[in-house]
Amino acid sequence: MRLVVADTSPVFYLLSIGHIDVLPRLFGKVFVPDAVHKELCHPAAPALVREWAARLPDWVEAVSVEALDDAAFLPLGAGKRAAITLALSMHADLILIDERKGTNVALDKGFVVAGTLGVLALAARRGLVDLADSFARLKRTNFRYRQEIMDVLLKQNAGK
């Protein structure tokens, strides 16, 4: 079984576009650090996200982690620090994270990283979602993206 750790953003946006169900179908179980769970439960989060986080499905496991004293983590928020720390402690195979700083730190630590776009592209390759529709849904949120990345992923998916 692949060990997959998720940061807040991919969970948040997959929930927001109605595709959270791809995570267990792609990875089985997904681990989130307690800091990510707290972010998903935050009063400022949309009701849909808070309600989901209040009753985590069986395929999500929230885990407490101790903060690491690592200078590379200084520019990162609590959720990203905790996700990378959890991934390090459990020798995860994959970290789901969107933000560039967090991605760079995770890559520097030797992890394979996928963001929301990558998860959706993988789900599309497996026939779980329509990639163009998923991207259109994502564009209706406040997700920050580069159109050229979406274009490349759509082109790669066109022949499948």
N, C-alpha and C. Protein backbone atom coordinates (compact mmCIF):
# COMPACT_ATOMS: atom_id res chain seq x y z
N MET A 1 0.84 -1.19 0.00
CA MET A 1 0.00 0.00 0.00
C MET A 1 0.88 1.25 0.00
N ARG A 2 0.54 2.19 -0.85
CA ARG A 2 1.27 3.46 -0.89
C ARG A 2 0.88 4.30 0.31
N LEU A 3 1.86 4.91 0.95
CA LEU A 3 1.59 5.82 2.06
C LEU A 3 1.49 7.23 1.50
N VAL A 4 0.31 7.83 1.66
CA VAL A 4 0.02 9.15 1.09
C VAL A 4 -0.38 10.09 2.21
N VAL A 5 0.28 11.25 2.24
CA VAL A 5 -0.01 12.30 3.22
C VAL A 5 -0.55 13.50 2.45
N ALA A 6 -1.61 14.11 2.98
CA ALA A 6 -2.20 15.27 2.31
C ALA A 6 -2.10 16.52 3.16
N ASP A 7 -1.82 17.62 2.49
CA ASP A 7 -1.90 18.95 3.07
C ASP A 7 -3.34 19.43 2.87
N THR A 8 -3.65 20.58 3.40
CA THR A 8 -5.01 21.11 3.39
C THR A 8 -5.54 21.38 1.99
N SER A 9 -4.77 22.04 1.17
CA SER A 9 -5.25 22.55 -0.12
C SER A 9 -5.85 21.48 -1.04
N PRO A 10 -5.17 20.37 -1.31
CA PRO A 10 -5.79 19.38 -2.21
C PRO A 10 -7.11 18.83 -1.67
N VAL A 11 -7.18 18.59 -0.37
CA VAL A 11 -8.42 18.10 0.24
C VAL A 11 -9.51 19.15 0.09
N PHE A 12 -9.17 20.39 0.42
CA PHE A 12 -10.12 21.50 0.35
C PHE A 12 -10.70 21.64 -1.06
N TYR A 13 -9.84 21.66 -2.07
CA TYR A 13 -10.32 21.89 -3.44
C TYR A 13 -11.02 20.67 -4.03
N LEU A 14 -10.57 19.46 -3.69
CA LEU A 14 -11.29 18.29 -4.17
C LEU A 14 -12.69 18.23 -3.56
N LEU A 15 -12.81 18.61 -2.30
CA LEU A 15 -14.14 18.73 -1.68
C LEU A 15 -14.96 19.80 -2.40
N SER A 16 -14.35 20.92 -2.66
CA SER A 16 -15.05 22.07 -3.26
C SER A 16 -15.62 21.77 -4.64
N ILE A 17 -14.95 20.89 -5.38
CA ILE A 17 -15.43 20.59 -6.74
C ILE A 17 -16.15 19.24 -6.82
N GLY A 18 -16.39 18.63 -5.68
CA GLY A 18 -17.15 17.38 -5.66
C GLY A 18 -16.37 16.15 -6.07
N HIS A 19 -15.05 16.18 -5.94
CA HIS A 19 -14.23 15.04 -6.35
C HIS A 19 -13.37 14.46 -5.24
N ILE A 20 -13.76 14.64 -3.99
CA ILE A 20 -12.98 14.08 -2.88
C ILE A 20 -12.92 12.56 -2.96
N ASP A 21 -13.92 11.97 -3.60
CA ASP A 21 -14.00 10.51 -3.71
C ASP A 21 -12.87 9.90 -4.54
N VAL A 22 -12.13 10.71 -5.30
CA VAL A 22 -11.03 10.14 -6.08
C VAL A 22 -9.87 9.72 -5.18
N LEU A 23 -9.72 10.37 -4.03
CA LEU A 23 -8.58 10.04 -3.16
C LEU A 23 -8.59 8.58 -2.71
N PRO A 24 -9.67 8.07 -2.13
CA PRO A 24 -9.63 6.65 -1.74
C PRO A 24 -9.57 5.72 -2.94
N ARG A 25 -10.13 6.13 -4.06
CA ARG A 25 -10.10 5.29 -5.25
C ARG A 25 -8.70 5.21 -5.84
N LEU A 26 -7.93 6.28 -5.69
CA LEU A 26 -6.56 6.29 -6.20
C LEU A 26 -5.56 5.71 -5.20
N PHE A 27 -5.75 6.04 -3.91
CA PHE A 27 -4.70 5.75 -2.93
C PHE A 27 -5.13 4.84 -1.78
N GLY A 28 -6.40 4.52 -1.68
CA GLY A 28 -6.85 3.73 -0.53
C GLY A 28 -6.99 4.63 0.68
N LYS A 29 -5.98 4.67 1.51
CA LYS A 29 -5.99 5.47 2.73
C LYS A 29 -5.14 6.73 2.51
N VAL A 30 -5.56 7.82 3.14
CA VAL A 30 -4.81 9.08 3.10
C VAL A 30 -4.64 9.56 4.53
N PHE A 31 -3.42 9.94 4.86
CA PHE A 31 -3.10 10.45 6.19
C PHE A 31 -3.04 11.97 6.17
N VAL A 32 -3.61 12.59 7.18
CA VAL A 32 -3.50 14.04 7.35
C VAL A 32 -2.99 14.32 8.75
N PRO A 33 -2.06 15.26 8.88
CA PRO A 33 -1.62 15.62 10.23
C PRO A 33 -2.73 16.40 10.94
N ASP A 34 -2.66 16.40 12.26
CA ASP A 34 -3.68 17.09 13.05
C ASP A 34 -3.79 18.57 12.68
N ALA A 35 -2.68 19.20 12.31
CA ALA A 35 -2.73 20.62 11.92
C ALA A 35 -3.57 20.82 10.67
N VAL A 36 -3.51 19.90 9.74
CA VAL A 36 -4.34 19.98 8.53
C VAL A 36 -5.80 19.77 8.90
N HIS A 37 -6.05 18.81 9.75
CA HIS A 37 -7.43 18.56 10.19
C HIS A 37 -8.00 19.81 10.86
N LYS A 38 -7.21 20.47 11.68
CA LYS A 38 -7.65 21.71 12.34
C LYS A 38 -7.96 22.80 11.31
N GLU A 39 -7.13 22.91 10.28
CA GLU A 39 -7.38 23.91 9.23
C GLU A 39 -8.69 23.61 8.51
N LEU A 40 -8.96 22.35 8.25
CA LEU A 40 -10.21 21.98 7.57
C LEU A 40 -11.44 22.24 8.44
N CYS A 41 -11.25 22.20 9.76
CA CYS A 41 -12.34 22.44 10.71
C CYS A 41 -12.48 23.92 11.09
N HIS A 42 -11.59 24.75 10.62
CA HIS A 42 -11.57 26.16 11.03
C HIS A 42 -12.90 26.84 10.70
N PRO A 43 -13.39 27.71 11.60
CA PRO A 43 -14.67 28.40 11.34
C PRO A 43 -14.72 29.18 10.02
N ALA A 44 -13.57 29.61 9.51
CA ALA A 44 -13.55 30.35 8.26
C ALA A 44 -13.67 29.44 7.03
N ALA A 45 -13.49 28.14 7.22
CA ALA A 45 -13.62 27.21 6.11
C ALA A 45 -15.10 27.10 5.71
N PRO A 46 -15.37 26.83 4.45
CA PRO A 46 -16.77 26.65 4.03
C PRO A 46 -17.44 25.52 4.82
N ALA A 47 -18.74 25.63 4.99
CA ALA A 47 -19.51 24.64 5.75
C ALA A 47 -19.28 23.22 5.22
N LEU A 48 -19.26 23.06 3.90
CA LEU A 48 -19.05 21.75 3.30
C LEU A 48 -17.75 21.12 3.80
N VAL A 49 -16.69 21.91 3.85
CA VAL A 49 -15.38 21.43 4.28
C VAL A 49 -15.41 21.11 5.78
N ARG A 50 -15.95 22.02 6.58
CA ARG A 50 -16.02 21.80 8.03
C ARG A 50 -16.84 20.55 8.36
N GLU A 51 -17.96 20.37 7.70
CA GLU A 51 -18.82 19.21 7.96
C GLU A 51 -18.11 17.90 7.60
N TRP A 52 -17.41 17.90 6.48
CA TRP A 52 -16.66 16.71 6.06
C TRP A 52 -15.57 16.41 7.09
N ALA A 53 -14.84 17.44 7.50
CA ALA A 53 -13.73 17.26 8.45
C ALA A 53 -14.23 16.83 9.82
N ALA A 54 -15.43 17.25 10.18
CA ALA A 54 -15.99 16.86 11.49
C ALA A 54 -16.31 15.37 11.54
N ARG A 55 -16.56 14.77 10.40
CA ARG A 55 -16.87 13.34 10.32
C ARG A 55 -15.99 12.71 9.24
N LEU A 56 -14.71 12.62 9.52
CA LEU A 56 -13.77 12.07 8.54
C LEU A 56 -14.18 10.67 8.10
N PRO A 57 -14.13 10.42 6.81
CA PRO A 57 -14.44 9.06 6.34
C PRO A 57 -13.37 8.07 6.81
N ASP A 58 -13.70 6.80 6.74
CA ASP A 58 -12.79 5.75 7.20
C ASP A 58 -11.45 5.75 6.48
N TRP A 59 -11.41 6.25 5.26
CA TRP A 59 -10.18 6.21 4.47
C TRP A 59 -9.22 7.36 4.81
N VAL A 60 -9.61 8.24 5.71
CA VAL A 60 -8.74 9.33 6.15
C VAL A 60 -8.34 9.07 7.60
N GLU A 61 -7.06 9.20 7.87
CA GLU A 61 -6.58 9.06 9.24
C GLU A 61 -5.84 10.33 9.65
N ALA A 62 -6.37 11.00 10.68
CA ALA A 62 -5.71 12.19 11.24
C ALA A 62 -4.68 11.71 12.27
N VAL A 63 -3.47 12.25 12.16
CA VAL A 63 -2.36 11.80 12.99
C VAL A 63 -1.70 12.99 13.67
N SER A 64 -1.40 12.85 14.96
CA SER A 64 -0.66 13.89 15.66
C SER A 64 0.82 13.76 15.33
N VAL A 65 1.47 14.89 15.11
CA VAL A 65 2.91 14.89 14.83
C VAL A 65 3.58 15.96 15.68
N GLU A 66 4.79 15.68 16.06
CA GLU A 66 5.60 16.64 16.79
C GLU A 66 6.35 17.51 15.78
N ALA A 67 6.40 18.80 16.04
CA ALA A 67 7.09 19.73 15.15
C ALA A 67 8.58 19.41 15.11
N LEU A 68 9.15 19.52 13.93
CA LEU A 68 10.59 19.34 13.77
C LEU A 68 11.26 20.71 13.75
N ASP A 69 12.41 20.78 14.32
CA ASP A 69 13.20 22.00 14.29
C ASP A 69 14.06 21.96 13.03
N ASP A 70 13.51 22.44 11.94
CA ASP A 70 14.16 22.38 10.64
C ASP A 70 14.03 23.74 9.98
N ALA A 71 15.14 24.37 9.68
CA ALA A 71 15.14 25.71 9.10
C ALA A 71 14.39 25.75 7.77
N ALA A 72 14.34 24.64 7.04
CA ALA A 72 13.64 24.61 5.75
C ALA A 72 12.14 24.84 5.94
N PHE A 73 11.63 24.56 7.13
CA PHE A 73 10.20 24.69 7.39
C PHE A 73 9.78 26.11 7.76
N LEU A 74 10.73 27.00 8.03
CA LEU A 74 10.40 28.34 8.51
C LEU A 74 9.44 29.11 7.61
N PRO A 75 9.56 29.07 6.28
CA PRO A 75 8.62 29.86 5.46
C PRO A 75 7.26 29.20 5.27
N LEU A 76 7.05 28.02 5.86
CA LEU A 76 5.81 27.27 5.62
C LEU A 76 4.79 27.48 6.72
N GLY A 77 3.53 27.37 6.35
CA GLY A 77 2.44 27.41 7.34
C GLY A 77 2.40 26.11 8.13
N ALA A 78 1.59 26.12 9.17
CA ALA A 78 1.51 24.98 10.09
C ALA A 78 1.10 23.69 9.39
N GLY A 79 0.12 23.76 8.50
CA GLY A 79 -0.34 22.55 7.81
C GLY A 79 0.73 21.94 6.94
N LYS A 80 1.43 22.76 6.18
CA LYS A 80 2.49 22.26 5.32
C LYS A 80 3.64 21.68 6.13
N ARG A 81 4.04 22.39 7.19
CA ARG A 81 5.10 21.86 8.07
C ARG A 81 4.70 20.50 8.62
N ALA A 82 3.47 20.40 9.10
CA ALA A 82 3.01 19.16 9.70
C ALA A 82 2.90 18.04 8.66
N ALA A 83 2.43 18.36 7.45
CA ALA A 83 2.31 17.34 6.40
C ALA A 83 3.68 16.78 6.04
N ILE A 84 4.66 17.63 5.87
CA ILE A 84 6.01 17.16 5.52
C ILE A 84 6.61 16.40 6.70
N THR A 85 6.40 16.88 7.92
CA THR A 85 6.90 16.18 9.11
C THR A 85 6.28 14.79 9.20
N LEU A 86 4.97 14.70 9.00
CA LEU A 86 4.31 13.39 9.04
C LEU A 86 4.85 12.48 7.94
N ALA A 87 5.01 13.02 6.76
CA ALA A 87 5.54 12.23 5.65
C ALA A 87 6.94 11.70 5.98
N LEU A 88 7.77 12.54 6.60
CA LEU A 88 9.11 12.10 7.00
C LEU A 88 9.02 10.99 8.03
N SER A 89 8.15 11.16 9.03
CA SER A 89 8.07 10.19 10.12
C SER A 89 7.54 8.83 9.66
N MET A 90 6.66 8.83 8.68
CA MET A 90 6.09 7.55 8.23
C MET A 90 6.69 7.06 6.92
N HIS A 91 7.71 7.77 6.42
CA HIS A 91 8.37 7.40 5.15
C HIS A 91 7.34 7.27 4.04
N ALA A 92 6.54 8.31 3.88
CA ALA A 92 5.46 8.32 2.89
C ALA A 92 6.02 8.22 1.47
N ASP A 93 5.18 7.70 0.61
CA ASP A 93 5.53 7.57 -0.81
C ASP A 93 5.16 8.81 -1.60
N LEU A 94 4.19 9.58 -1.09
CA LEU A 94 3.65 10.70 -1.84
C LEU A 94 3.08 11.74 -0.89
N ILE A 95 3.31 13.01 -1.20
CA ILE A 95 2.69 14.11 -0.45
C ILE A 95 1.80 14.87 -1.44
N LEU A 96 0.57 15.12 -1.01
CA LEU A 96 -0.36 15.94 -1.80
C LEU A 96 -0.28 17.35 -1.26
N ILE A 97 0.23 18.25 -2.07
CA ILE A 97 0.44 19.64 -1.64
C ILE A 97 0.43 20.52 -2.87
N ASP A 98 -0.16 21.71 -2.76
CA ASP A 98 -0.26 22.60 -3.91
C ASP A 98 0.77 23.73 -3.89
N GLU A 99 0.95 24.36 -2.79
CA GLU A 99 1.73 25.59 -2.74
C GLU A 99 3.20 25.35 -3.10
N ARG A 100 3.76 26.31 -3.82
CA ARG A 100 5.11 26.17 -4.36
C ARG A 100 6.17 26.00 -3.27
N LYS A 101 6.12 26.82 -2.21
CA LYS A 101 7.14 26.71 -1.15
C LYS A 101 7.11 25.33 -0.51
N GLY A 102 5.91 24.86 -0.19
CA GLY A 102 5.77 23.54 0.42
C GLY A 102 6.22 22.44 -0.52
N THR A 103 5.87 22.58 -1.79
CA THR A 103 6.29 21.60 -2.79
C THR A 103 7.80 21.54 -2.88
N ASN A 104 8.44 22.71 -2.92
CA ASN A 104 9.90 22.75 -3.02
C ASN A 104 10.57 22.10 -1.82
N VAL A 105 10.06 22.37 -0.62
CA VAL A 105 10.64 21.76 0.59
C VAL A 105 10.44 20.24 0.54
N ALA A 106 9.23 19.80 0.17
CA ALA A 106 8.96 18.36 0.09
C ALA A 106 9.88 17.68 -0.93
N LEU A 107 10.06 18.32 -2.08
CA LEU A 107 10.96 17.77 -3.10
C LEU A 107 12.39 17.71 -2.58
N ASP A 108 12.82 18.77 -1.89
CA ASP A 108 14.17 18.80 -1.32
C ASP A 108 14.37 17.69 -0.29
N LYS A 109 13.29 17.28 0.36
CA LYS A 109 13.35 16.20 1.36
C LYS A 109 13.26 14.83 0.70
N GLY A 110 13.12 14.81 -0.64
CA GLY A 110 13.14 13.55 -1.38
C GLY A 110 11.79 12.94 -1.67
N PHE A 111 10.72 13.70 -1.49
CA PHE A 111 9.38 13.15 -1.70
C PHE A 111 8.88 13.34 -3.13
N VAL A 112 8.01 12.45 -3.54
CA VAL A 112 7.23 12.63 -4.74
C VAL A 112 6.04 13.48 -4.31
N VAL A 113 5.72 14.50 -5.11
CA VAL A 113 4.68 15.46 -4.75
C VAL A 113 3.66 15.53 -5.89
N ALA A 114 2.39 15.60 -5.51
CA ALA A 114 1.32 15.85 -6.48
C ALA A 114 0.39 16.88 -5.86
N GLY A 115 -0.06 17.80 -6.69
CA GLY A 115 -1.03 18.78 -6.24
C GLY A 115 -2.42 18.41 -6.73
N THR A 116 -3.34 19.31 -6.53
CA THR A 116 -4.72 19.07 -6.95
C THR A 116 -4.79 18.76 -8.45
N LEU A 117 -4.06 19.52 -9.26
CA LEU A 117 -4.08 19.27 -10.71
C LEU A 117 -3.55 17.88 -11.04
N GLY A 118 -2.48 17.49 -10.39
CA GLY A 118 -1.90 16.16 -10.62
C GLY A 118 -2.83 15.04 -10.20
N VAL A 119 -3.51 15.22 -9.07
CA VAL A 119 -4.47 14.21 -8.61
C VAL A 119 -5.60 14.08 -9.62
N LEU A 120 -6.11 15.22 -10.09
CA LEU A 120 -7.20 15.18 -11.09
C LEU A 120 -6.73 14.54 -12.39
N ALA A 121 -5.51 14.83 -12.82
CA ALA A 121 -4.98 14.23 -14.05
C ALA A 121 -4.85 12.72 -13.89
N LEU A 122 -4.37 12.26 -12.74
CA LEU A 122 -4.27 10.82 -12.49
C LEU A 122 -5.65 10.18 -12.47
N ALA A 123 -6.60 10.85 -11.82
CA ALA A 123 -7.97 10.34 -11.78
C ALA A 123 -8.56 10.26 -13.19
N ALA A 124 -8.26 11.23 -14.02
CA ALA A 124 -8.75 11.22 -15.41
C ALA A 124 -8.13 10.07 -16.19
N ARG A 125 -6.83 9.84 -16.00
CA ARG A 125 -6.17 8.72 -16.68
C ARG A 125 -6.80 7.39 -16.30
N ARG A 126 -7.33 7.30 -15.09
CA ARG A 126 -7.97 6.06 -14.63
C ARG A 126 -9.47 6.04 -14.91
N GLY A 127 -9.95 7.06 -15.61
CA GLY A 127 -11.36 7.11 -15.98
C GLY A 127 -12.31 7.49 -14.86
N LEU A 128 -11.78 8.13 -13.83
CA LEU A 128 -12.61 8.47 -12.67
C LEU A 128 -13.27 9.84 -12.79
N VAL A 129 -12.68 10.74 -13.57
CA VAL A 129 -13.23 12.08 -13.75
C VAL A 129 -13.02 12.54 -15.18
N ASP A 130 -13.79 13.52 -15.57
CA ASP A 130 -13.58 14.22 -16.84
C ASP A 130 -12.66 15.39 -16.51
N LEU A 131 -11.46 15.39 -17.07
CA LEU A 131 -10.46 16.39 -16.69
C LEU A 131 -10.89 17.81 -17.06
N ALA A 132 -11.42 18.02 -18.25
CA ALA A 132 -11.84 19.36 -18.65
C ALA A 132 -12.93 19.89 -17.72
N ASP A 133 -13.89 19.05 -17.39
CA ASP A 133 -14.95 19.45 -16.47
C ASP A 133 -14.38 19.75 -15.07
N SER A 134 -13.47 18.90 -14.62
CA SER A 134 -12.86 19.11 -13.30
C SER A 134 -12.11 20.43 -13.24
N PHE A 135 -11.36 20.73 -14.29
CA PHE A 135 -10.63 22.00 -14.33
C PHE A 135 -11.60 23.17 -14.39
N ALA A 136 -12.68 23.04 -15.13
CA ALA A 136 -13.68 24.12 -15.19
C ALA A 136 -14.28 24.36 -13.81
N ARG A 137 -14.56 23.30 -13.08
CA ARG A 137 -15.07 23.44 -11.71
C ARG A 137 -14.05 24.14 -10.82
N LEU A 138 -12.79 23.74 -10.96
CA LEU A 138 -11.72 24.32 -10.15
C LEU A 138 -11.57 25.82 -10.42
N LYS A 139 -11.75 26.21 -11.67
CA LYS A 139 -11.64 27.62 -12.04
C LYS A 139 -12.73 28.48 -11.39
N ARG A 140 -13.82 27.85 -11.00
CA ARG A 140 -14.90 28.60 -10.34
C ARG A 140 -14.65 28.78 -8.85
N THR A 141 -13.55 28.24 -8.35
CA THR A 141 -13.16 28.44 -6.95
C THR A 141 -12.06 29.50 -6.93
N ASN A 142 -11.46 29.68 -5.77
CA ASN A 142 -10.33 30.62 -5.68
C ASN A 142 -8.98 29.92 -5.85
N PHE A 143 -8.99 28.74 -6.44
CA PHE A 143 -7.76 27.99 -6.69
C PHE A 143 -6.85 28.79 -7.60
N ARG A 144 -5.60 28.88 -7.22
CA ARG A 144 -4.61 29.60 -8.04
C ARG A 144 -3.91 28.60 -8.94
N TYR A 145 -3.91 28.88 -10.22
CA TYR A 145 -3.37 27.94 -11.19
C TYR A 145 -2.68 28.68 -12.32
N ARG A 146 -1.85 27.94 -13.04
CA ARG A 146 -1.26 28.47 -14.27
C ARG A 146 -1.94 27.74 -15.42
N GLN A 147 -2.56 28.51 -16.29
CA GLN A 147 -3.32 27.93 -17.41
C GLN A 147 -2.45 27.01 -18.25
N GLU A 148 -1.17 27.36 -18.41
CA GLU A 148 -0.32 26.52 -19.26
C GLU A 148 -0.15 25.11 -18.68
N ILE A 149 -0.18 24.98 -17.35
CA ILE A 149 -0.09 23.64 -16.75
C ILE A 149 -1.38 22.86 -17.05
N MET A 150 -2.51 23.53 -16.89
CA MET A 150 -3.78 22.87 -17.23
C MET A 150 -3.80 22.46 -18.69
N ASP A 151 -3.32 23.32 -19.57
CA ASP A 151 -3.32 23.03 -21.01
C ASP A 151 -2.47 21.78 -21.31
N VAL A 152 -1.31 21.69 -20.69
CA VAL A 152 -0.43 20.52 -20.90
C VAL A 152 -1.13 19.25 -20.42
N LEU A 153 -1.72 19.30 -19.22
CA LEU A 153 -2.41 18.13 -18.68
C LEU A 153 -3.60 17.73 -19.53
N LEU A 154 -4.36 18.72 -20.03
CA LEU A 154 -5.50 18.43 -20.90
C LEU A 154 -5.02 17.78 -22.21
N LYS A 155 -3.92 18.28 -22.75
CA LYS A 155 -3.38 17.73 -24.01
C LYS A 155 -2.91 16.30 -23.79
N GLN A 156 -2.22 16.06 -22.66
CA GLN A 156 -1.75 14.70 -22.35
C GLN A 156 -2.92 13.74 -22.19
N ASN A 157 -4.01 14.24 -21.65
CA ASN A 157 -5.19 13.41 -21.37
C ASN A 157 -6.07 13.20 -22.60
N ALA A 158 -5.90 14.04 -23.63
CA ALA A 158 -6.79 14.02 -24.80
C ALA A 158 -6.77 12.68 -25.54
N GLY A 159 -5.66 12.03 -25.56
CA GLY A 159 -5.56 10.76 -26.29
C GLY A 159 -5.96 9.55 -25.48
N LYS A 160 -6.42 9.76 -24.28
CA LYS A 160 -6.71 8.61 -23.40
C LYS A 160 -8.17 8.27 -23.37
